[in-house]
Amino acid sequence: MTAKRRRAAFSVEVKELILKRAKFTCDRCGLRAEYGHFHHRTPRRSGGSSREDLGLPSNGLLLHPSCHDFIEKHRKIAAQLGFLVGYGSLPKDTPVMLWSGWHWLTDSGEAIRIEGVPPLSPLPPVTPDD
């Protein structure tokens, strides 16, 4: 990668908000992850993206490397749980199943707990290989 900054990467300030929100624990499993991966719920694609919202805290999660690998290998399940968000949706409008329950993630870096089952659009069925 050149010295040019990739678009929609998380800034230092956004990474600090994600770490604070996660309390230095993995958002998927809840174990300590202060040196984990910063995951984009809506992927940036190769070379970055011109969508500025992809660099906001609502699009970011802190994950252990193994939890990050699970999400990348099991994309249908990850999408059903809100760890992946399609390009037609906004992360702030898509609930995510963190280790501590369902939450809305805000652009200001907060996680707002959802009591009960969140209002979701119909999800694709999960196949055995997921």
Protein backbone atom coordinates (compact mmCIF):
# COMPACT_ATOMS: atom_id res chain seq x y z
CA MET A 1 0.00 0.00 0.00
CA THR A 2 1.27 3.44 -0.82
CA ALA A 3 1.51 6.35 1.60
CA LYS A 4 -1.91 7.49 0.36
CA ARG A 5 -4.58 6.79 3.00
CA ARG A 6 -7.27 4.31 1.97
CA ARG A 7 -10.71 5.86 1.95
CA ALA A 8 -13.21 4.81 4.60
CA ALA A 9 -10.51 3.35 6.82
CA PHE A 10 -11.15 3.87 10.51
CA SER A 11 -9.39 6.96 11.83
CA VAL A 12 -7.46 6.84 15.10
CA GLU A 13 -10.35 8.66 16.77
CA VAL A 14 -12.93 6.14 15.49
CA LYS A 15 -10.75 3.22 16.55
CA GLU A 16 -10.59 4.73 20.06
CA LEU A 17 -14.41 5.00 20.11
CA ILE A 18 -14.76 1.36 18.99
CA LEU A 19 -12.27 0.19 21.65
CA LYS A 20 -14.08 2.20 24.33
CA ARG A 21 -17.52 0.93 23.26
CA ALA A 22 -16.25 -2.68 23.24
CA LYS A 23 -14.42 -2.16 26.55
CA PHE A 24 -11.38 -3.81 24.90
CA THR A 25 -13.30 -7.08 24.45
CA CYS A 26 -14.23 -8.96 21.30
CA ASP A 27 -17.69 -7.90 20.12
CA ARG A 28 -18.48 -11.49 19.08
CA CYS A 29 -17.25 -13.63 21.98
CA GLY A 30 -16.72 -11.14 24.84
CA LEU A 31 -13.11 -12.14 25.62
CA ARG A 32 -10.32 -9.58 26.01
CA ALA A 33 -9.22 -8.32 22.59
CA GLU A 34 -7.30 -5.09 22.99
CA TYR A 35 -5.07 -6.16 20.09
CA GLY A 36 -7.92 -7.50 17.97
CA HIS A 37 -8.97 -6.65 14.44
CA PHE A 38 -11.13 -3.70 13.47
CA HIS A 39 -13.89 -5.17 11.29
CA HIS A 40 -15.96 -3.22 8.75
CA ARG A 41 -19.58 -4.42 8.90
CA THR A 42 -20.08 -3.05 5.37
CA PRO A 43 -16.88 -4.10 3.60
CA ARG A 44 -14.69 -1.48 1.96
CA ARG A 45 -13.87 -3.69 -1.03
CA SER A 46 -10.44 -3.71 -2.65
CA GLY A 47 -8.72 -0.36 -2.66
CA GLY A 48 -11.15 1.38 -0.35
CA SER A 49 -14.43 3.13 -0.99
CA SER A 50 -15.68 6.65 -1.54
CA ARG A 51 -18.48 6.05 1.00
CA GLU A 52 -17.47 8.11 4.02
CA ASP A 53 -19.99 6.32 6.26
CA LEU A 54 -17.86 3.17 6.08
CA GLY A 55 -15.34 4.82 8.40
CA LEU A 56 -17.92 5.62 11.12
CA PRO A 57 -18.14 3.81 14.49
CA SER A 58 -21.50 2.21 13.56
CA ASN A 59 -19.67 0.29 10.84
CA GLY A 60 -16.89 -0.95 13.13
CA LEU A 61 -16.45 -3.89 15.47
CA LEU A 62 -13.51 -5.11 17.54
CA LEU A 63 -12.88 -8.82 16.97
CA HIS A 64 -10.38 -11.51 17.89
CA PRO A 65 -8.57 -12.72 14.78
CA SER A 66 -10.35 -16.10 15.08
CA CYS A 67 -13.78 -14.41 15.40
CA HIS A 68 -12.93 -12.23 12.40
CA ASP A 69 -12.00 -15.36 10.43
CA PHE A 70 -15.32 -16.99 11.41
CA ILE A 71 -17.28 -13.98 10.11
CA GLU A 72 -15.39 -13.98 6.82
CA LYS A 73 -15.84 -17.74 6.33
CA HIS A 74 -19.52 -17.85 7.36
CA ARG A 75 -20.89 -14.77 5.65
CA LYS A 76 -24.59 -15.77 5.60
CA ILE A 77 -24.64 -16.39 9.34
CA ALA A 78 -22.63 -13.20 9.92
CA ALA A 79 -25.18 -11.21 7.88
CA GLN A 80 -28.09 -12.69 9.84
CA LEU A 81 -26.39 -11.56 13.06
CA GLY A 82 -25.57 -8.07 11.75
CA PHE A 83 -21.80 -8.59 11.59
CA LEU A 84 -22.02 -7.97 7.84
CA VAL A 85 -24.25 -5.30 6.30
CA GLY A 86 -25.04 -5.11 2.58
CA TYR A 87 -24.27 -2.05 0.47
CA GLY A 88 -27.98 -1.20 0.25
CA SER A 89 -28.26 -0.75 4.03
CA LEU A 90 -26.67 1.49 6.64
CA PRO A 91 -24.84 -0.07 9.60
CA LYS A 92 -26.51 2.38 12.02
CA ASP A 93 -29.91 1.03 10.86
CA THR A 94 -28.92 -2.64 11.17
CA PRO A 95 -28.90 -4.29 14.60
CA VAL A 96 -25.99 -6.55 15.54
CA MET A 97 -25.89 -9.51 17.91
CA LEU A 98 -22.93 -8.69 20.16
CA TRP A 99 -21.82 -11.19 22.80
CA SER A 100 -24.02 -9.32 25.31
CA GLY A 101 -27.17 -9.28 23.15
CA TRP A 102 -28.72 -7.35 20.28
CA HIS A 103 -27.63 -3.71 19.90
CA TRP A 104 -27.91 -0.71 17.62
CA LEU A 105 -24.50 0.88 16.98
CA THR A 106 -24.54 4.65 16.60
CA ASP A 107 -22.36 6.94 14.51
CA SER A 108 -21.24 8.60 17.77
CA GLY A 109 -19.77 5.34 19.09
CA GLU A 110 -22.52 4.07 21.40
CA ALA A 111 -24.09 0.61 21.60
CA ILE A 112 -27.78 0.76 22.49
CA ARG A 113 -29.14 -2.51 23.84
CA ILE A 114 -32.32 -3.85 22.24
CA GLU A 115 -34.68 -5.67 24.58
CA GLY A 116 -36.24 -8.75 23.01
CA VAL A 117 -35.93 -9.65 19.36
CA PRO A 118 -34.93 -6.75 17.07
CA PRO A 119 -37.09 -5.79 14.11
CA LEU A 120 -35.33 -7.48 11.19
CA SER A 121 -36.17 -7.78 7.54
CA PRO A 122 -36.64 -11.33 6.23
CA LEU A 123 -33.30 -13.14 6.25
CA PRO A 124 -32.05 -15.72 3.79
CA PRO A 125 -32.14 -19.32 5.03
CA VAL A 126 -28.92 -20.71 6.46
CA THR A 127 -27.49 -23.68 4.61
CA PRO A 128 -25.57 -26.49 6.39
CA ASP A 129 -22.19 -25.33 4.98
CA ASP A 130 -22.62 -21.93 6.69
